[in-house]
Protein backbone atom coordinates (compact mmCIF):
# COMPACT_ATOMS: atom_id res chain seq x y z
CA MET A 1 5.23 4.22 -21.69
CA GLU A 2 4.17 0.58 -20.40
CA THR A 3 0.67 0.04 -19.09
CA TRP A 4 1.52 -0.93 -15.66
CA VAL A 5 3.83 1.92 -15.21
CA LEU A 6 0.51 4.43 -15.99
CA ILE A 7 -1.43 2.35 -13.86
CA THR A 8 0.99 2.41 -10.87
CA ILE A 9 1.40 6.20 -10.68
CA ALA A 10 -2.49 6.45 -10.87
CA ALA A 11 -2.47 4.18 -8.26
CA ALA A 12 0.16 5.88 -6.42
CA PHE A 13 -1.54 9.31 -7.04
CA LEU A 14 -5.17 8.18 -5.90
CA GLN A 15 -3.10 6.11 -2.55
CA ASN A 16 -2.30 10.03 -1.55
CA ILE A 17 -5.66 11.56 -1.79
CA ARG A 18 -6.98 8.69 0.12
CA SER A 19 -4.71 9.10 2.79
CA VAL A 20 -5.34 13.03 3.02
CA LEU A 21 -8.54 12.26 3.31
CA GLN A 22 -8.13 9.79 5.91
CA LYS A 23 -6.12 12.10 7.91
CA HIS A 24 -9.44 14.22 7.86
CA LEU A 25 -11.07 11.25 9.72
CA LYS A 26 -8.94 10.62 12.27
CA GLY A 27 -10.37 14.02 13.61
CA ALA A 28 -13.86 12.06 13.68
CA MET A 29 -12.63 8.57 14.78
CA GLY A 30 -10.17 6.93 15.84
CA THR A 31 -7.14 5.03 13.86
CA THR A 32 -9.33 1.49 13.87
CA GLY A 33 -12.32 3.29 12.22
CA ALA A 34 -10.11 5.31 9.76
CA THR A 35 -8.46 2.20 8.75
CA PHE A 36 -11.59 0.02 8.54
CA VAL A 37 -13.44 2.52 6.09
CA ARG A 38 -10.76 1.80 3.32
CA PHE A 39 -12.06 -1.79 3.59
CA GLY A 40 -15.70 -1.71 4.51
CA PHE A 41 -16.63 1.36 2.11
CA GLY A 42 -14.42 0.43 -0.76
CA LEU A 43 -16.53 -3.04 -0.91
CA PRO A 44 -19.47 -2.12 -2.61
CA PHE A 45 -17.17 -0.30 -5.42
CA ALA A 46 -14.96 -3.44 -5.65
CA LEU A 47 -18.20 -5.40 -6.13
CA GLY A 48 -19.06 -2.84 -8.79
CA PHE A 49 -15.50 -3.14 -10.66
CA VAL A 50 -16.23 -6.88 -11.05
CA ALA A 51 -20.38 -5.89 -12.20
CA LEU A 52 -19.08 -3.56 -14.80
CA LEU A 53 -16.00 -5.91 -16.43
CA TRP A 54 -18.86 -8.97 -16.36
CA GLY A 55 -21.88 -6.97 -17.35
CA GLY A 56 -20.76 -4.34 -19.17
CA LEU A 57 -17.85 -5.48 -21.33
CA GLU A 58 -18.88 -9.15 -20.99
CA TYR A 59 -15.55 -10.27 -19.67
CA ARG A 60 -15.90 -14.03 -18.29
CA LEU A 61 -15.98 -14.49 -14.70
CA PRO A 62 -12.99 -16.72 -13.74
CA VAL A 63 -13.01 -19.46 -11.24
CA PRO A 64 -10.99 -19.30 -7.98
CA SER A 65 -9.49 -22.55 -7.19
CA LEU A 66 -8.28 -23.65 -3.70
CA ALA A 67 -4.27 -21.49 -4.71
CA PHE A 68 -6.08 -18.38 -5.36
CA ALA A 69 -8.09 -18.82 -2.03
CA GLY A 70 -4.93 -19.53 -0.01
CA TRP A 71 -3.01 -16.52 -1.32
CA VAL A 72 -5.74 -14.20 -0.85
CA VAL A 73 -5.74 -15.30 2.86
CA LEU A 74 -2.29 -15.11 3.45
CA ALA A 75 -1.72 -11.55 1.71
CA ALA A 76 -5.57 -9.74 2.82
CA LEU A 77 -4.19 -10.83 6.56
CA ALA A 78 -0.51 -9.94 5.83
CA GLN A 79 -1.75 -6.64 4.98
CA ILE A 80 -3.68 -6.32 8.35
CA VAL A 81 -0.94 -7.45 10.17
CA ALA A 82 1.32 -4.74 8.51
CA GLN A 83 -0.69 -2.06 9.01
CA ALA A 84 -1.39 -3.23 12.42
CA LEU A 85 2.62 -3.15 13.06
CA LEU A 86 2.88 0.18 11.03
CA ILE A 87 0.07 1.89 13.65
CA GLN A 88 1.66 0.35 16.82
CA MET A 89 4.70 2.24 15.74
CA PHE A 90 3.06 5.47 16.13
CA SER A 91 3.36 4.98 19.84
CA HIS A 92 6.91 5.04 19.91
CA ARG A 93 8.81 8.21 20.72
CA ASN A 94 10.63 7.66 17.22
CA PHE A 95 8.43 6.23 14.87
CA THR A 96 9.53 8.23 11.90
CA VAL A 97 12.57 5.82 11.97
CA GLY A 98 10.58 2.79 12.40
CA THR A 99 8.16 4.47 9.30
CA ALA A 100 11.41 4.46 7.45
CA TYR A 101 12.28 0.86 7.71
CA SER A 102 9.16 -0.02 7.09
CA ARG A 103 9.84 1.61 3.21
CA THR A 104 12.02 -1.32 2.77
CA GLU A 105 8.95 -3.13 1.39
CA PRO A 106 9.83 -2.79 -2.49
CA ALA A 107 13.40 -4.86 -1.65
CA GLN A 108 11.46 -7.38 1.19
CA ALA A 109 9.06 -7.77 -2.05
CA ALA A 110 11.77 -8.66 -4.41
CA LEU A 111 13.14 -11.29 -2.31
CA PHE A 112 10.03 -12.82 -1.22
CA GLY A 113 8.73 -12.78 -5.13
CA LEU A 114 11.82 -14.72 -5.88
CA ILE A 115 11.32 -17.19 -3.23
CA PHE A 116 7.46 -17.55 -3.91
CA LEU A 117 7.13 -17.06 -7.23
CA GLY A 118 10.66 -17.10 -9.20
CA ASP A 119 10.25 -13.46 -9.74
CA ARG A 120 13.85 -12.15 -10.59
CA ALA A 121 14.35 -8.47 -10.50
CA GLY A 122 17.03 -7.34 -12.43
CA PRO A 123 20.05 -5.49 -11.86
CA GLY A 124 18.23 -1.86 -12.72
CA THR A 125 14.97 -2.90 -10.67
CA LEU A 126 17.42 -3.67 -7.61
CA LEU A 127 19.39 0.06 -8.37
CA ALA A 128 16.22 1.70 -8.51
CA ILE A 129 15.17 0.09 -5.07
CA ALA A 130 18.42 1.08 -3.43
CA ILE A 131 18.30 4.58 -4.84
CA SER A 132 14.36 5.26 -4.16
CA LEU A 133 15.12 3.71 -0.57
CA VAL A 134 17.58 6.25 -0.23
CA GLY A 135 15.21 9.17 -0.74
CA VAL A 136 12.54 7.53 1.12
CA VAL A 137 14.85 7.43 4.48
CA LEU A 138 15.91 10.82 4.15
CA ILE A 139 12.20 11.97 3.98
CA SER A 140 11.15 9.67 6.97
CA VAL A 141 14.12 11.42 9.28
CA ALA A 142 14.00 14.89 7.46
CA ARG A 143 11.99 16.14 10.80
CA SER A 144 13.11 13.85 13.40
CA ALA A 145 15.24 15.56 15.89
CA SER A 146 18.12 12.95 15.77
CA GLY A 147 17.82 13.17 12.10
CA ALA A 148 19.86 10.11 10.28
CA ALA A 149 22.18 9.21 13.37
CA ALA A 150 18.64 8.12 15.04
CA LEU A 151 18.34 5.72 12.11
CA LEU A 152 21.89 4.56 12.04
CA GLY A 153 21.57 4.09 16.18
CA SER A 154 18.67 2.62 16.24
CA VAL A 155 19.23 -0.59 13.87
CA PHE A 156 18.56 -3.12 16.82
CA SER A 157 15.85 -1.45 18.62
CA ARG A 158 12.59 -2.44 18.75
CA THR A 159 10.78 0.40 16.82
CA ALA A 160 13.30 -0.65 13.68
CA ALA A 161 12.03 -4.19 14.42
CA LEU A 162 8.19 -3.28 14.01
CA GLY A 163 9.19 -1.11 10.97
CA LEU A 164 10.96 -4.00 9.14
CA ALA A 165 8.06 -6.69 10.42
CA SER A 166 6.01 -4.07 8.78
CA GLY A 167 7.70 -3.58 5.51
CA ALA A 168 7.92 -7.45 5.26
CA PHE A 169 4.10 -8.21 5.59
CA PHE A 170 3.63 -5.64 3.32
CA GLY A 171 6.15 -7.27 0.97
CA VAL A 172 4.25 -10.79 1.51
CA ALA A 173 1.04 -9.28 0.68
CA ALA A 174 1.98 -7.28 -2.49
CA VAL A 175 3.64 -10.89 -3.70
CA GLY A 176 0.44 -13.28 -2.46
CA TYR A 177 -1.74 -10.70 -4.22
CA ARG A 178 0.16 -11.12 -7.62
CA ALA A 179 0.27 -15.15 -6.92
CA ALA A 180 -3.69 -14.97 -6.60
CA SER A 181 -4.13 -13.04 -9.73
CA LEU A 182 -2.16 -14.77 -11.84
CA SER A 183 -3.46 -18.07 -10.62
CA LEU A 184 -6.54 -17.02 -11.99
CA GLY A 185 -5.09 -17.65 -15.40
CA GLY A 186 -7.61 -14.94 -17.34
CA PRO A 187 -9.25 -13.84 -19.27
CA ASN A 188 -7.24 -10.65 -18.53
CA PHE A 189 -5.16 -8.46 -16.21
CA MET A 190 -8.38 -6.11 -15.47
CA MET A 191 -11.03 -9.17 -14.30
CA GLN A 192 -8.38 -10.78 -12.37
CA ALA A 193 -7.03 -8.20 -10.28
CA ALA A 194 -10.92 -7.15 -9.76
CA VAL A 195 -11.64 -10.47 -8.66
CA THR A 196 -8.76 -10.79 -6.56
CA LEU A 197 -9.55 -7.29 -4.67
CA LEU A 198 -13.25 -8.12 -4.11
CA ALA A 199 -12.47 -11.77 -2.13
CA ALA A 200 -9.69 -9.73 -0.49
CA ILE A 201 -11.57 -6.53 0.62
CA PHE A 202 -14.56 -9.04 1.75
CA LEU A 203 -11.98 -10.84 4.10
CA GLN A 204 -10.79 -7.86 5.40
CA THR A 205 -13.81 -6.29 5.90
CA CYS A 206 -15.42 -9.24 7.86
CA ALA A 207 -11.87 -9.45 9.98
CA MET A 208 -12.28 -6.11 11.14
CA LEU A 209 -16.12 -5.67 11.47
CA ILE A 210 -15.07 -8.35 14.41
CA TRP A 211 -12.20 -6.71 15.86
CA MET A 212 -14.04 -3.62 16.18
CA ARG A 213 -17.34 -5.31 17.69
CA LEU A 214 -15.01 -7.18 20.18
CA ARG A 215 -12.93 -4.59 21.00
CA ALA A 216 -13.57 -0.87 19.89
CA PRO A 217 -17.78 -0.99 19.27
CA GLU A 218 -17.69 2.84 19.86
CA GLU A 219 -16.04 3.10 16.59
CA LEU A 220 -18.72 1.73 14.56
CA GLY A 221 -21.39 5.08 15.60
CA ARG A 222 -18.46 7.17 14.74
CA ILE A 223 -18.06 5.56 11.31
CA ARG A 224 -21.66 5.82 10.39
CA ALA A 225 -21.64 9.85 11.38
CA ALA A 226 -18.85 10.32 9.04
CA TRP A 227 -20.44 8.23 6.05
CA LYS A 228 -20.15 10.61 3.39
CA ILE A 229 -16.38 11.31 3.63
CA SER A 230 -15.93 7.68 4.25
CA ALA A 231 -17.85 6.40 1.14
CA LEU A 232 -14.94 8.91 -0.55
CA VAL A 233 -12.51 7.22 0.86
CA GLY A 234 -14.10 4.10 0.03
CA LEU A 235 -14.34 5.04 -3.69
CA VAL A 236 -10.63 6.59 -3.73
CA GLY A 237 -9.47 3.49 -1.85
CA ALA A 238 -10.89 0.49 -3.75
CA THR A 239 -9.84 2.27 -7.19
CA ALA A 240 -6.18 2.63 -5.80
CA SER A 241 -5.99 -0.76 -5.01
CA PHE A 242 -7.54 -1.98 -7.91
CA GLY A 243 -4.64 -0.48 -9.75
CA TRP A 244 -1.81 -1.86 -7.53
CA PHE A 245 -3.43 -5.23 -8.13
CA MET A 246 -3.86 -4.76 -11.99
CA ALA A 247 -0.10 -3.68 -11.90
CA MET A 248 0.73 -6.66 -10.38
CA THR A 249 -0.60 -8.64 -12.46
CA LEU A 250 1.45 -7.68 -15.46
CA GLN A 251 4.45 -6.61 -13.69
CA THR A 252 6.77 -8.16 -10.83
CA ALA A 253 5.79 -7.12 -7.19
CA ALA A 254 9.23 -5.42 -6.66
CA ALA A 255 9.02 -3.77 -9.97
CA VAL A 256 5.59 -2.17 -9.00
CA LYS A 257 6.35 -1.03 -5.63
CA ALA A 258 9.71 0.22 -6.23
CA LEU A 259 7.74 2.81 -8.84
CA ALA A 260 5.03 3.25 -6.10
CA GLN A 261 7.60 4.92 -3.97
CA ILE A 262 6.58 8.04 -5.80
CA GLU A 263 3.64 8.17 -4.20
CA MET A 264 5.96 10.30 -1.50
CA ILE A 265 6.40 13.14 -3.75
CA PHE A 266 2.87 13.19 -4.49
CA THR A 267 2.29 13.31 -0.02
CA PHE A 268 5.47 15.87 -0.26
CA ALA A 269 3.13 18.08 -2.92
CA SER A 270 -0.09 17.51 -0.29
CA SER A 271 1.81 18.54 2.51
CA VAL A 272 3.24 21.87 0.57
CA LEU A 273 0.28 22.94 -1.41
CA ILE A 274 -3.00 21.45 1.00
CA PHE A 275 -1.79 21.36 4.79
CA ARG A 276 0.93 24.37 4.21
CA GLU A 277 3.45 22.77 5.84
CA HIS A 278 7.23 23.82 5.75
CA VAL A 279 9.66 21.74 3.72
CA ASN A 280 13.36 21.28 4.69
CA ARG A 281 16.49 20.82 2.73
CA LEU A 282 16.65 16.84 3.50
CA GLU A 283 13.06 16.32 2.41
CA PHE A 284 13.78 17.84 -0.84
CA SER A 285 16.75 15.79 -1.21
CA GLY A 286 14.91 12.85 -0.62
CA CYS A 287 12.42 13.75 -3.43
CA ILE A 288 15.40 13.82 -5.84
CA PHE A 289 16.75 10.35 -5.00
CA ILE A 290 13.14 9.16 -5.58
CA VAL A 291 12.79 10.83 -8.82
CA ALA A 292 16.49 9.61 -9.64
CA GLY A 293 15.26 5.93 -8.88
CA ILE A 294 12.44 5.97 -10.75
CA LEU A 295 14.03 7.17 -13.76
CA VAL A 296 16.49 4.13 -13.28
CA LEU A 297 13.59 2.11 -13.01
CA LEU A 298 11.86 3.02 -16.40
CA LEU A 299 15.09 3.82 -18.45
CA VAL A 300 17.99 1.03 -17.36
């Protein structure tokens, strides 16, 4: 099995763990604080990855260029905007529909990768994206009162627009991170990914700190009070992001994001095993589609 495949699966698993931990944090702080900890508490670990590769494994530090800086700024800000749009959807009654549309990220990443980097997604990748997208949609609307009808009937709704915009910005972020890492030109995919992660997470931490200071200063106290689990979120989140960046240095963003849909399977398992939530037939069918899409991606 190719290296990028193993790294992506591991990153998806870690991201699911981070999401579970953040779900627990929501009881101790607001959405802004729970979002910040993945960046702010992840920053020391991102620095540690670079230090380990440089001081421990003696890989040389790449020299960032203006192109690197431009791609990192674009990707980091796009990721923040995407997350903000996703959070905004939670205030809408049919936010599950918007969430389904936001999962078009792999398809949009394929488009942006072609436009910005000339990355071409083969027929197998496009087919895998389409099949897994069906599975994601089924899981997303499985617990909606209106079900699939709501998804089809709300194509031109505000919620759908927010979801599509969120997916687009996530797609831009993925392609931007790949471009930034590749622009470093060496010494290897691990150091390139680590330096890109450090630059991105530093920028995101500063941006969110300024935002909280101005708009939600009360969150800072709540974050300090929950620093232990926040540190764990930072560790898991930074390690997951390191995995995403390594995978996207080795492979196109579209292929990585298509395989990353396996995170929905891990989320499904967490819902059943940890939160003891009931599983319906539509969710189970969605999982089958996601697995089928992943098999197509790996075998075709």
